[in-house]
Amino acid sequence: MPVSSHGDTAPVSTVATDTKADAIAPDPRLVADLVTANHILFDQHVVDAFGHVSVRHDKRLDRFLLARSMAPALVTAADILEFDLDGNPLAAAGRPVYLERFIHGEIYRVRPDVVAIVHSHSHAVIPFGVVRSHKLQAIFHMSGFVGTETPIFEIRECAGDGSDLLVRNRELGASLAKALGPKSVVLMRGHGVTVTASTLQEAVYRGVYVDVNARLQLEAIGLGAVNYLTELEGRAAAAANASQIGRAWELWKMKVEGKL
């Protein structure tokens, strides 16, 4: 278990009191897609027992959907909860929720263009969050969205030394959102990565390919000087791929549904 800034054992989930606001039923198709997104991210080795994916509520821009605290591969429609942007569940009924739900709420608060968010502990990205000599940047066309430089969230700057590196409150979530800025990817030093997108399917795609990009970049660095995509190439590649994401989504969906 991680250690908190006070030296005690810090849980990775918590039981939060439901807000008094009324829950609004989202489109069942959106809930089904969010369940699928959890399963795909596990199948593609982006998440394991940890990590999470959310989507903005289709009827309320100031709310989002996220599973209760559990392994993504096990998520069902009954596990999807509604949250306000402060991270308060509306009808958790005592079920534990992700401690780091504030990652999602605070990004949705300041980025109206963001519709879905993936947070993972992808092993391949970790080195780029701790080594300043090499920045995570787009190395091939499938990851053009990464761009020429990925920001790094340094939690020490807002939590001081001795934190458990978890985004466990609104203040830390707001600091992460600030570090992300207008980008689609932010690294979290010694922790992982958070990816944003304008659709749930695109967020899953980016969650997969930011990991692929990191692995390829690590391999290329070992060979010598790397010829990365330029900013213009990255934007053009990202725009081209955006129209093809459905191809990947349908393949991955059929795989986790056992249809392949």
Protein backbone atom coordinates (compact mmCIF):
# COMPACT_ATOMS: atom_id res chain seq x y z
CA MET A 1 0.00 0.00 0.00
CA PRO A 2 1.23 3.55 -0.65
CA VAL A 3 2.30 5.76 2.21
CA SER A 4 0.65 9.11 2.78
CA SER A 5 2.35 12.37 3.67
CA HIS A 6 1.52 11.68 7.31
CA GLY A 7 3.27 8.33 7.28
CA ASP A 8 0.14 6.20 7.67
CA THR A 9 -1.22 3.65 5.25
CA ALA A 10 -3.17 5.39 2.49
CA PRO A 11 -6.04 3.58 0.76
CA VAL A 12 -6.40 3.74 -3.00
CA SER A 13 -10.19 4.00 -2.70
CA THR A 14 -12.58 5.59 -0.27
CA VAL A 15 -16.23 5.57 0.74
CA ALA A 16 -17.61 9.02 -0.07
CA THR A 17 -20.89 10.49 1.12
CA ASP A 18 -23.44 10.89 -1.66
CA THR A 19 -24.26 14.47 -2.62
CA LYS A 20 -27.88 15.53 -2.17
CA ALA A 21 -28.25 16.37 -5.86
CA ASP A 22 -30.50 14.17 -7.94
CA ALA A 23 -28.87 11.62 -10.21
CA ILE A 24 -29.87 11.77 -13.86
CA ALA A 25 -29.95 8.53 -15.84
CA PRO A 26 -27.42 8.65 -18.69
CA ASP A 27 -28.00 7.05 -22.07
CA PRO A 28 -27.65 3.27 -21.51
CA ARG A 29 -25.53 3.11 -24.66
CA LEU A 30 -23.02 5.50 -23.11
CA VAL A 31 -22.86 3.31 -19.98
CA ALA A 32 -22.34 0.23 -22.15
CA ASP A 33 -19.54 1.95 -24.04
CA LEU A 34 -17.86 2.94 -20.77
CA VAL A 35 -17.97 -0.68 -19.62
CA THR A 36 -16.44 -1.72 -22.93
CA ALA A 37 -13.76 0.96 -22.60
CA ASN A 38 -12.71 -0.49 -19.23
CA HIS A 39 -12.45 -3.97 -20.72
CA ILE A 40 -10.53 -2.83 -23.80
CA LEU A 41 -7.97 -0.91 -21.78
CA PHE A 42 -7.31 -4.04 -19.72
CA ASP A 43 -7.15 -6.28 -22.78
CA GLN A 44 -4.69 -3.90 -24.45
CA HIS A 45 -2.48 -3.91 -21.32
CA VAL A 46 -2.99 -0.21 -20.61
CA VAL A 47 -4.49 -0.85 -17.15
CA ASP A 48 -4.27 -3.83 -14.83
CA ALA A 49 -5.98 -3.95 -11.44
CA PHE A 50 -5.47 -0.18 -11.28
CA GLY A 51 -6.30 2.77 -13.49
CA HIS A 52 -9.66 4.16 -14.62
CA VAL A 53 -11.58 5.71 -17.49
CA SER A 54 -14.42 8.21 -17.35
CA VAL A 55 -16.80 9.94 -19.74
CA ARG A 56 -18.72 13.19 -19.38
CA HIS A 57 -22.45 12.75 -18.72
CA ASP A 58 -24.46 13.03 -21.95
CA LYS A 59 -27.23 15.06 -20.26
CA ARG A 60 -25.23 17.20 -17.79
CA LEU A 61 -21.90 18.78 -18.74
CA ASP A 62 -21.13 19.32 -15.06
CA ARG A 63 -21.22 15.59 -14.27
CA PHE A 64 -19.28 12.54 -15.34
CA LEU A 65 -19.54 8.76 -15.25
CA LEU A 66 -16.91 6.54 -13.64
CA ALA A 67 -16.94 3.03 -12.23
CA ARG A 68 -16.88 2.37 -8.51
CA SER A 69 -13.46 1.48 -7.17
CA MET A 70 -12.60 -1.84 -8.74
CA ALA A 71 -10.39 -3.53 -11.32
CA PRO A 72 -11.35 -2.24 -14.82
CA ALA A 73 -11.63 -5.73 -16.30
CA LEU A 74 -14.45 -6.55 -13.86
CA VAL A 75 -16.60 -3.45 -14.44
CA THR A 76 -20.27 -3.98 -15.37
CA ALA A 77 -23.05 -1.51 -16.09
CA ALA A 78 -24.20 -1.81 -12.48
CA ASP A 79 -20.82 -0.50 -11.32
CA ILE A 80 -21.00 2.81 -13.21
CA LEU A 81 -21.63 5.79 -10.94
CA GLU A 82 -22.44 9.44 -11.57
CA PHE A 83 -20.25 12.19 -10.06
CA ASP A 84 -20.35 15.96 -9.91
CA LEU A 85 -17.23 17.93 -10.82
CA ASP A 86 -16.23 18.16 -7.14
CA GLY A 87 -15.83 14.39 -7.15
CA ASN A 88 -18.95 13.69 -5.12
CA PRO A 89 -20.89 10.54 -6.08
CA LEU A 90 -24.63 11.02 -6.47
CA ALA A 91 -25.81 7.49 -5.70
CA ALA A 92 -22.87 5.35 -4.60
CA ALA A 93 -24.92 4.00 -1.68
CA GLY A 94 -21.82 3.26 0.38
CA ARG A 95 -19.86 1.63 -2.40
CA PRO A 96 -16.16 2.59 -2.45
CA VAL A 97 -15.10 5.08 -5.12
CA TYR A 98 -11.73 5.77 -6.70
CA LEU A 99 -9.62 8.02 -4.54
CA GLU A 100 -8.26 9.75 -7.67
CA ARG A 101 -11.66 10.68 -9.09
CA PHE A 102 -10.49 14.30 -8.71
CA ILE A 103 -8.29 13.82 -11.80
CA HIS A 104 -11.45 13.57 -13.85
CA GLY A 105 -13.60 16.23 -12.17
CA GLU A 106 -10.98 18.97 -12.30
CA ILE A 107 -10.03 18.36 -15.93
CA TYR A 108 -13.68 18.36 -16.99
CA ARG A 109 -14.13 21.61 -15.05
CA VAL A 110 -11.50 23.57 -16.99
CA ARG A 111 -11.59 21.75 -20.34
CA PRO A 112 -15.10 21.88 -21.89
CA ASP A 113 -13.67 20.24 -25.00
CA VAL A 114 -12.80 17.08 -23.07
CA VAL A 115 -15.43 14.34 -23.16
CA ALA A 116 -13.43 11.36 -21.85
CA ILE A 117 -10.34 10.72 -19.73
CA VAL A 118 -8.08 7.72 -19.20
CA HIS A 119 -5.69 7.51 -16.25
CA SER A 120 -3.23 4.61 -16.24
CA HIS A 121 0.04 3.49 -14.70
CA SER A 122 1.37 2.40 -18.09
CA HIS A 123 4.87 1.08 -17.37
CA ALA A 124 6.37 2.35 -20.62
CA VAL A 125 5.59 6.00 -19.88
CA ILE A 126 7.10 6.07 -16.38
CA PRO A 127 10.72 6.68 -17.52
CA PHE A 128 9.69 9.79 -19.45
CA GLY A 129 8.19 11.32 -16.33
CA VAL A 130 11.38 10.97 -14.30
CA VAL A 131 14.20 11.54 -16.83
CA ARG A 132 14.52 15.13 -18.03
CA SER A 133 16.97 14.34 -20.84
CA HIS A 134 14.27 12.69 -22.98
CA LYS A 135 10.76 14.07 -23.40
CA LEU A 136 7.87 11.90 -24.51
CA GLN A 137 7.01 12.97 -28.07
CA ALA A 138 5.37 11.53 -31.17
CA ILE A 139 7.60 9.00 -32.89
CA PHE A 140 5.13 7.60 -35.47
CA HIS A 141 1.94 8.62 -37.18
CA MET A 142 -0.43 6.58 -35.01
CA SER A 143 0.54 8.69 -32.00
CA GLY A 144 0.67 12.10 -33.66
CA PHE A 145 -1.60 13.44 -30.87
CA VAL A 146 1.35 13.20 -28.45
CA GLY A 147 3.00 16.16 -30.16
CA THR A 148 6.56 17.37 -29.73
CA GLU A 149 6.61 17.68 -25.95
CA THR A 150 4.49 16.18 -23.16
CA PRO A 151 4.03 18.17 -19.93
CA ILE A 152 4.94 16.55 -16.62
CA PHE A 153 2.92 16.98 -13.43
CA GLU A 154 5.33 17.31 -10.50
CA ILE A 155 3.25 16.70 -7.40
CA ARG A 156 5.99 17.99 -5.09
CA GLU A 157 5.31 21.50 -6.36
CA CYS A 158 1.84 21.48 -4.80
CA ALA A 159 1.93 18.74 -2.14
CA GLY A 160 5.54 19.05 -0.97
CA ASP A 161 7.84 16.14 -0.23
CA GLY A 162 6.42 12.98 1.33
CA SER A 163 3.12 12.65 -0.55
CA ASP A 164 2.01 9.26 -1.84
CA LEU A 165 1.89 10.74 -5.39
CA LEU A 166 -1.87 10.15 -5.60
CA VAL A 167 -4.26 12.89 -6.73
CA ARG A 168 -6.47 12.55 -3.69
CA ASN A 169 -8.24 15.94 -3.52
CA ARG A 170 -9.55 18.78 -5.65
CA GLU A 171 -6.48 20.96 -5.13
CA LEU A 172 -4.17 18.30 -6.55
CA GLY A 173 -6.62 17.61 -9.36
CA ALA A 174 -6.66 21.30 -10.26
CA SER A 175 -2.86 21.37 -10.30
CA LEU A 176 -2.82 18.36 -12.62
CA ALA A 177 -5.34 20.03 -14.93
CA LYS A 178 -3.16 23.15 -14.98
CA ALA A 179 -0.11 21.07 -15.92
CA LEU A 180 -2.11 19.42 -18.71
CA GLY A 181 -3.12 22.81 -20.10
CA PRO A 182 -4.46 22.55 -23.68
CA LYS A 183 -2.63 19.27 -24.39
CA SER A 184 -4.15 15.80 -24.62
CA VAL A 185 -1.52 13.98 -22.54
CA VAL A 186 0.14 14.75 -19.22
CA LEU A 187 2.72 12.58 -17.49
CA MET A 188 2.65 12.21 -13.71
CA ARG A 189 6.14 11.88 -12.28
CA GLY A 190 6.66 8.49 -10.66
CA HIS A 191 2.99 7.66 -11.13
CA GLY A 192 1.63 7.32 -14.65
CA VAL A 193 -0.20 9.24 -17.36
CA THR A 194 -3.54 10.93 -17.95
CA VAL A 195 -4.97 11.15 -21.47
CA THR A 196 -7.92 13.24 -22.67
CA ALA A 197 -10.05 13.22 -25.82
CA SER A 198 -13.21 14.55 -27.41
CA THR A 199 -14.88 11.12 -27.46
CA LEU A 200 -14.70 8.00 -25.32
CA GLN A 201 -13.49 5.92 -28.25
CA GLU A 202 -10.72 8.41 -28.95
CA ALA A 203 -9.64 8.44 -25.30
CA VAL A 204 -9.27 4.65 -25.39
CA TYR A 205 -7.32 4.89 -28.65
CA ARG A 206 -5.01 7.49 -27.14
CA GLY A 207 -4.59 5.47 -23.96
CA VAL A 208 -3.41 2.54 -26.06
CA TYR A 209 -1.16 4.47 -28.41
CA VAL A 210 0.54 6.69 -25.84
CA ASP A 211 1.80 3.44 -24.34
CA VAL A 212 2.85 2.10 -27.76
CA ASN A 213 4.63 5.38 -28.52
CA ALA A 214 6.54 5.25 -25.24
CA ARG A 215 7.72 1.69 -25.91
CA LEU A 216 8.84 2.54 -29.43
CA GLN A 217 10.57 5.68 -28.26
CA LEU A 218 12.50 3.77 -25.61
CA GLU A 219 13.65 1.31 -28.28
CA ALA A 220 14.63 4.08 -30.72
CA ILE A 221 16.60 6.04 -28.12
CA GLY A 222 18.73 2.96 -27.57
CA LEU A 223 19.64 2.89 -31.25
CA GLY A 224 20.75 6.50 -31.58
CA ALA A 225 19.45 9.95 -32.53
CA VAL A 226 15.70 9.89 -33.20
CA ASN A 227 13.92 11.71 -36.02
CA TYR A 228 10.61 12.60 -34.36
CA LEU A 229 7.44 13.92 -35.96
CA THR A 230 7.31 17.68 -36.25
CA GLU A 231 4.43 19.61 -34.70
CA LEU A 232 2.76 19.98 -38.10
CA GLU A 233 3.21 16.29 -38.92
CA GLY A 234 1.75 15.33 -35.57
CA ARG A 235 -1.33 17.49 -36.06
CA ALA A 236 -1.90 16.18 -39.58
CA ALA A 237 -1.47 12.57 -38.47
CA ALA A 238 -3.81 13.06 -35.50
CA ALA A 239 -6.49 14.56 -37.74
CA ALA A 240 -6.19 11.69 -40.22
CA ASN A 241 -6.36 9.04 -37.50
CA ALA A 242 -9.36 10.67 -35.80
CA SER A 243 -11.56 9.63 -38.71
CA GLN A 244 -10.42 6.00 -38.42
CA ILE A 245 -10.75 5.39 -34.68
CA GLY A 246 -13.99 3.47 -35.17
CA ARG A 247 -12.01 0.77 -36.94
CA ALA A 248 -9.87 0.15 -33.89
CA TRP A 249 -12.81 0.45 -31.47
CA GLU A 250 -14.89 -2.16 -33.28
CA LEU A 251 -11.98 -4.59 -33.43
CA TRP A 252 -11.10 -4.16 -29.76
CA LYS A 253 -14.77 -4.34 -28.76
CA MET A 254 -15.33 -7.59 -30.63
CA LYS A 255 -12.23 -9.04 -29.01
CA VAL A 256 -13.33 -8.31 -25.42
CA GLU A 257 -16.84 -9.56 -26.24
CA GLY A 258 -15.36 -12.87 -27.38
CA LYS A 259 -16.52 -12.47 -30.99
CA LEU A 260 -13.11 -13.01 -32.57
